[in-house]
Protein backbone atom coordinates (compact mmCIF):
# COMPACT_ATOMS: atom_id res chain seq x y z
CA MET A 1 -7.95 -22.87 -0.38
CA ASN A 2 -7.90 -19.44 1.30
CA PHE A 3 -4.22 -19.96 2.16
CA VAL A 4 -3.31 -20.79 -1.44
CA ILE A 5 -5.16 -17.74 -2.77
CA ALA A 6 -3.47 -15.57 -0.14
CA ILE A 7 -0.01 -16.74 -1.26
CA LEU A 8 -0.97 -16.18 -4.90
CA ALA A 9 -2.14 -12.65 -4.04
CA SER A 10 1.15 -11.86 -2.29
CA VAL A 11 3.13 -13.19 -5.26
CA ILE A 12 1.15 -10.89 -7.57
CA VAL A 13 1.84 -7.96 -5.23
CA SER A 14 5.57 -8.83 -5.29
CA LEU A 15 5.67 -9.02 -9.10
CA ILE A 16 4.32 -5.45 -9.26
CA SER A 17 7.86 -4.37 -8.38
CA PHE A 18 8.71 -4.91 -12.07
CA VAL A 19 6.34 -2.10 -13.01
CA GLY A 20 9.44 0.09 -12.96
CA ILE A 21 10.11 -1.15 -16.49
CA ILE A 22 7.16 0.98 -17.60
CA ALA A 23 9.03 4.09 -16.47
CA LEU A 24 11.74 3.25 -19.00
CA LEU A 25 9.29 2.88 -21.89
CA LEU A 26 7.14 5.99 -21.43
CA ASN A 27 8.03 9.62 -21.92
CA GLU A 28 8.01 11.79 -18.82
CA ASN A 29 4.77 13.68 -19.54
CA LEU A 30 2.75 10.52 -20.17
CA LEU A 31 4.23 8.86 -17.09
CA LYS A 32 3.20 11.83 -14.93
CA LYS A 33 -0.38 11.62 -16.24
CA ILE A 34 -0.54 7.90 -15.53
CA LEU A 35 0.91 8.38 -12.06
CA LEU A 36 -1.62 11.09 -11.21
CA ALA A 37 -4.47 8.81 -12.27
CA LEU A 38 -3.04 5.89 -10.27
CA ILE A 39 -2.51 8.04 -7.19
CA GLY A 40 -6.09 9.36 -7.32
CA PHE A 41 -7.62 5.89 -7.66
CA SER A 42 -5.24 4.46 -5.06
CA ALA A 43 -6.14 7.09 -2.45
CA GLY A 44 -9.84 6.40 -2.95
CA SER A 45 -9.48 2.63 -2.83
CA LEU A 46 -7.41 2.80 0.37
CA ILE A 47 -9.99 5.01 2.07
CA GLY A 48 -12.79 2.77 0.82
CA GLY A 49 -10.93 -0.37 1.87
CA ALA A 50 -10.37 0.98 5.39
CA PHE A 51 -13.87 2.31 6.07
CA LEU A 52 -16.02 -0.06 4.01
CA HIS A 53 -14.21 -3.39 4.46
CA LEU A 54 -11.65 -3.59 7.27
CA LEU A 55 -13.34 -1.58 10.03
CA PRO A 56 -16.85 -3.03 9.39
CA GLU A 57 -15.33 -6.52 9.56
CA THR A 58 -13.88 -5.64 12.97
CA PHE A 59 -17.19 -4.43 14.35
CA GLU A 60 -19.14 -7.33 12.81
CA LYS A 61 -17.06 -9.60 15.02
CA GLY A 62 -18.28 -7.67 18.05
CA GLN A 63 -14.98 -5.97 18.82
CA ASP A 64 -15.15 -3.00 21.21
CA TYR A 65 -15.01 0.25 19.23
CA ILE A 66 -12.65 1.96 21.72
CA PHE A 67 -10.16 -0.87 21.31
CA SER A 68 -10.52 -0.85 17.52
CA PHE A 69 -10.07 2.88 17.08
CA SER A 70 -7.16 2.84 19.52
CA ILE A 71 -5.45 0.30 17.24
CA VAL A 72 -6.21 2.56 14.24
CA ILE A 73 -4.48 5.46 16.03
CA ILE A 74 -1.52 3.29 17.03
CA SER A 75 -1.18 2.02 13.45
CA PHE A 76 -1.39 5.55 12.03
CA THR A 77 1.37 6.63 14.43
CA ILE A 78 3.59 3.63 13.62
CA PHE A 79 3.34 4.32 9.89
CA PHE A 80 4.20 7.97 10.55
CA LEU A 81 7.27 7.00 12.60
CA MET A 82 8.36 4.46 10.00
CA GLU A 83 8.20 7.07 7.29
CA LYS A 84 9.92 9.67 9.43
CA PHE A 85 12.86 7.61 10.68
CA LEU A 86 13.37 5.15 7.83
CA LEU A 87 13.36 8.04 5.30
CA TRP A 88 10.72 6.07 3.40
CA ARG A 89 10.63 7.51 -0.14
CA HIS A 90 11.13 11.12 0.97
CA CYS A 91 14.27 12.95 0.02
CA HIS A 92 12.92 16.28 -1.18
CA LYS A 93 14.43 18.64 -3.71
CA GLY A 94 16.63 21.22 -2.08
CA GLU A 95 17.53 18.96 0.87
CA LYS A 96 21.05 17.73 1.44
CA CYS A 97 20.82 13.91 1.19
CA ASP A 98 23.35 11.14 0.99
CA VAL A 99 21.82 9.63 -2.13
CA HIS A 100 23.43 6.20 -1.81
CA THR A 101 22.56 5.85 1.86
CA PHE A 102 19.02 6.94 1.09
CA THR A 103 18.79 4.34 -1.68
CA TYR A 104 19.42 1.45 0.69
CA MET A 105 17.27 2.98 3.43
CA ASN A 106 14.49 3.14 0.85
CA LEU A 107 14.88 -0.59 0.18
CA ILE A 108 14.73 -1.36 3.91
CA GLY A 109 11.67 0.83 4.40
CA ASP A 110 9.97 -0.66 1.37
CA GLY A 111 10.75 -4.18 2.58
CA ILE A 112 9.12 -3.48 5.95
CA HIS A 113 6.15 -1.89 4.20
CA ASN A 114 5.71 -4.94 1.97
CA LEU A 115 6.04 -7.26 4.97
CA ILE A 116 3.13 -5.41 6.62
CA ASP A 117 1.14 -5.63 3.37
CA GLY A 118 1.72 -9.38 3.45
CA LEU A 119 0.52 -9.62 7.06
CA VAL A 120 -2.67 -7.84 6.01
CA ILE A 121 -3.18 -10.13 3.00
CA GLY A 122 -2.62 -13.29 5.07
CA GLY A 123 -4.93 -12.19 7.87
CA ALA A 124 -7.60 -10.86 5.53
CA PHE A 125 -7.81 -14.07 3.50
CA PHE A 126 -8.01 -16.06 6.73
CA VAL A 127 -11.11 -14.06 7.69
CA ASP A 128 -12.85 -14.24 4.31
CA ILE A 129 -11.90 -14.44 0.64
CA LYS A 130 -13.97 -11.29 -0.06
CA ILE A 131 -12.07 -9.31 2.59
CA GLY A 132 -8.80 -10.67 1.23
CA ILE A 133 -9.63 -9.63 -2.33
CA ALA A 134 -10.64 -6.12 -1.21
CA ALA A 135 -7.44 -5.73 0.84
CA THR A 136 -5.29 -7.03 -2.04
CA ILE A 137 -6.87 -4.62 -4.54
CA ALA A 138 -6.27 -1.70 -2.17
CA ILE A 139 -2.66 -2.78 -1.68
CA ILE A 140 -2.05 -3.26 -5.40
CA SER A 141 -3.54 0.15 -6.19
CA HIS A 142 -1.01 1.94 -4.01
CA GLU A 143 1.87 -0.41 -4.79
CA ILE A 144 1.94 0.52 -8.50
CA PRO A 145 2.68 4.26 -8.08
CA GLN A 146 4.94 3.51 -5.10
CA GLU A 147 7.01 0.96 -7.01
CA LEU A 148 7.40 3.39 -9.91
CA GLY A 149 8.71 5.92 -7.41
CA ASP A 150 10.97 3.40 -5.68
CA PHE A 151 12.50 2.34 -8.99
CA GLY A 152 13.23 5.99 -9.76
CA VAL A 153 14.93 6.40 -6.37
CA LEU A 154 17.20 3.41 -7.00
CA ILE A 155 18.20 4.70 -10.44
CA TYR A 156 18.80 8.16 -8.95
CA GLY A 157 20.95 6.52 -6.27
CA GLY A 158 23.33 5.21 -8.94
CA MET A 159 22.09 1.66 -9.49
CA LYS A 160 22.05 0.10 -12.91
CA LYS A 161 18.56 -0.60 -14.24
CA SER A 162 18.88 -4.38 -13.98
CA LYS A 163 20.23 -4.14 -10.44
CA ALA A 164 17.47 -1.71 -9.45
CA LEU A 165 14.78 -4.07 -10.76
CA PHE A 166 16.35 -7.03 -8.92
CA PHE A 167 16.68 -5.28 -5.56
CA ASN A 168 13.23 -3.74 -5.87
CA PHE A 169 11.80 -7.22 -6.49
CA LEU A 170 13.83 -8.68 -3.61
CA SER A 171 12.39 -6.03 -1.31
CA ALA A 172 8.88 -6.76 -2.60
CA THR A 173 9.11 -10.50 -1.82
CA THR A 174 8.85 -9.72 1.89
CA ALA A 175 5.10 -9.53 1.15
CA ILE A 176 5.13 -13.31 0.65
CA LEU A 177 6.90 -13.82 3.99
CA GLY A 178 4.41 -11.45 5.62
CA THR A 179 1.50 -13.44 4.19
CA LEU A 180 2.87 -16.70 5.62
CA ILE A 181 3.37 -15.06 9.03
CA GLY A 182 -0.01 -13.32 8.94
CA TYR A 183 -1.92 -16.49 8.09
CA PHE A 184 -0.01 -18.51 10.69
CA LEU A 185 -0.71 -15.94 13.42
CA ALA A 186 -4.38 -15.73 12.41
CA VAL A 187 -4.70 -19.50 12.78
CA ASN A 188 -2.85 -19.73 16.11
CA LEU A 189 -3.61 -16.46 17.92
CA GLU A 190 -7.24 -15.90 18.79
CA ASN A 191 -7.08 -12.08 19.02
CA PHE A 192 -4.68 -11.49 16.13
CA ILE A 193 -7.40 -10.69 13.57
CA SER A 194 -9.20 -8.39 16.02
CA ALA A 195 -6.05 -6.25 16.12
CA LEU A 196 -4.91 -6.74 12.52
CA MET A 197 -8.04 -5.39 10.80
CA PRO A 198 -8.00 -1.96 12.52
CA PHE A 199 -4.19 -1.90 12.27
CA ALA A 200 -4.45 -2.37 8.50
CA ALA A 201 -7.18 0.28 8.35
CA GLY A 202 -4.92 2.76 10.16
CA GLY A 203 -2.11 2.06 7.68
CA PHE A 204 -4.43 2.48 4.70
CA ILE A 205 -5.73 5.79 6.07
CA TYR A 206 -2.21 7.06 6.75
CA ILE A 207 -0.91 6.22 3.27
CA ALA A 208 -3.94 7.80 1.60
CA ALA A 209 -4.03 10.94 3.76
CA SER A 210 -0.31 11.59 4.24
CA ASP A 211 1.34 10.31 1.05
CA LEU A 212 -1.19 10.19 -1.78
CA ILE A 213 -3.72 12.99 -1.26
CA PRO A 214 -0.96 15.61 -0.72
CA GLU A 215 0.40 14.60 -4.14
CA LEU A 216 -3.02 15.38 -5.64
CA HIS A 217 -3.02 18.78 -3.90
CA ARG A 218 0.26 19.67 -5.61
CA GLN A 219 -1.42 19.46 -9.02
CA SER A 220 -2.20 23.04 -10.14
CA ASP A 221 -3.75 22.24 -13.53
CA SER A 222 -7.54 22.38 -13.06
CA LYS A 223 -8.36 19.67 -15.63
CA LYS A 224 -5.79 17.27 -14.20
CA SER A 225 -7.01 18.05 -10.68
CA LEU A 226 -10.59 17.28 -11.69
CA THR A 227 -9.47 14.00 -13.24
CA ALA A 228 -7.62 13.09 -10.03
CA ILE A 229 -10.70 13.90 -7.91
CA LEU A 230 -12.94 11.80 -10.15
CA LEU A 231 -10.52 8.87 -9.94
CA PHE A 232 -10.34 9.31 -6.16
CA LEU A 233 -14.14 9.02 -6.02
CA LEU A 234 -14.00 6.11 -8.44
CA GLY A 235 -11.67 4.28 -6.06
CA ILE A 236 -14.16 4.72 -3.21
CA ILE A 237 -17.09 3.72 -5.44
CA PHE A 238 -15.22 0.62 -6.59
CA MET A 239 -14.66 -0.48 -3.00
CA ALA A 240 -18.30 0.23 -2.21
CA TRP A 241 -19.33 -1.89 -5.20
CA LEU A 242 -17.15 -4.74 -3.97
CA LYS A 243 -18.80 -4.49 -0.56
CA ILE A 244 -22.35 -4.44 -1.96
CA SER A 245 -21.90 -7.05 -4.67
CA HIS A 246 -19.86 -9.49 -2.58
CA GLY A 247 -21.03 -8.35 0.83
């Protein structure tokens, strides 16, 4: 049953790639407001997921804290290197970029990212449905603003809208493959979960601290900033509620 739910969760995560359609239906100002809200909640849920679900699960299994935090550091570093060398979603204004090359590099980077998300989903559901649900919610929360951004990159790179949606979805389906691999490894490798939980926590912390929170800092409007902070706290509170109510 856990395996079936894990696959279903990864399919839902993959289908989020079609959220790019929303960008075509909304005006720019409204889209920016929605994105800010999503980014705030996503950052909070990732932090909450890492510190309230994934790391506690590691220590509840009696794993040595030095080993666990070493894996967190390794994961944080790997995510940094992936973003740095795969040009993952970052071609800033004013930089000289080969737009078309960057478009396909973005798809590769996003595919690897989604594969890792799938590994986390598969491993988390193997451990416990509650951990799997918490991990999936955290992943979905950051996938929505990311997929909106990725869709924009593909359009900017010269793709037609239909082609951009297709390739974005194709890249997202690596989450399903990752879930299959993650669940298989969890079943067959005794220490896989002991390493996967802190690895996922390190990735969640990196994405929240390096990608999402800096976006919130760029917001100069005080009311919008306050809204983002409240939604950030709401994301943490929501993860805490999941832990307490389904603990």
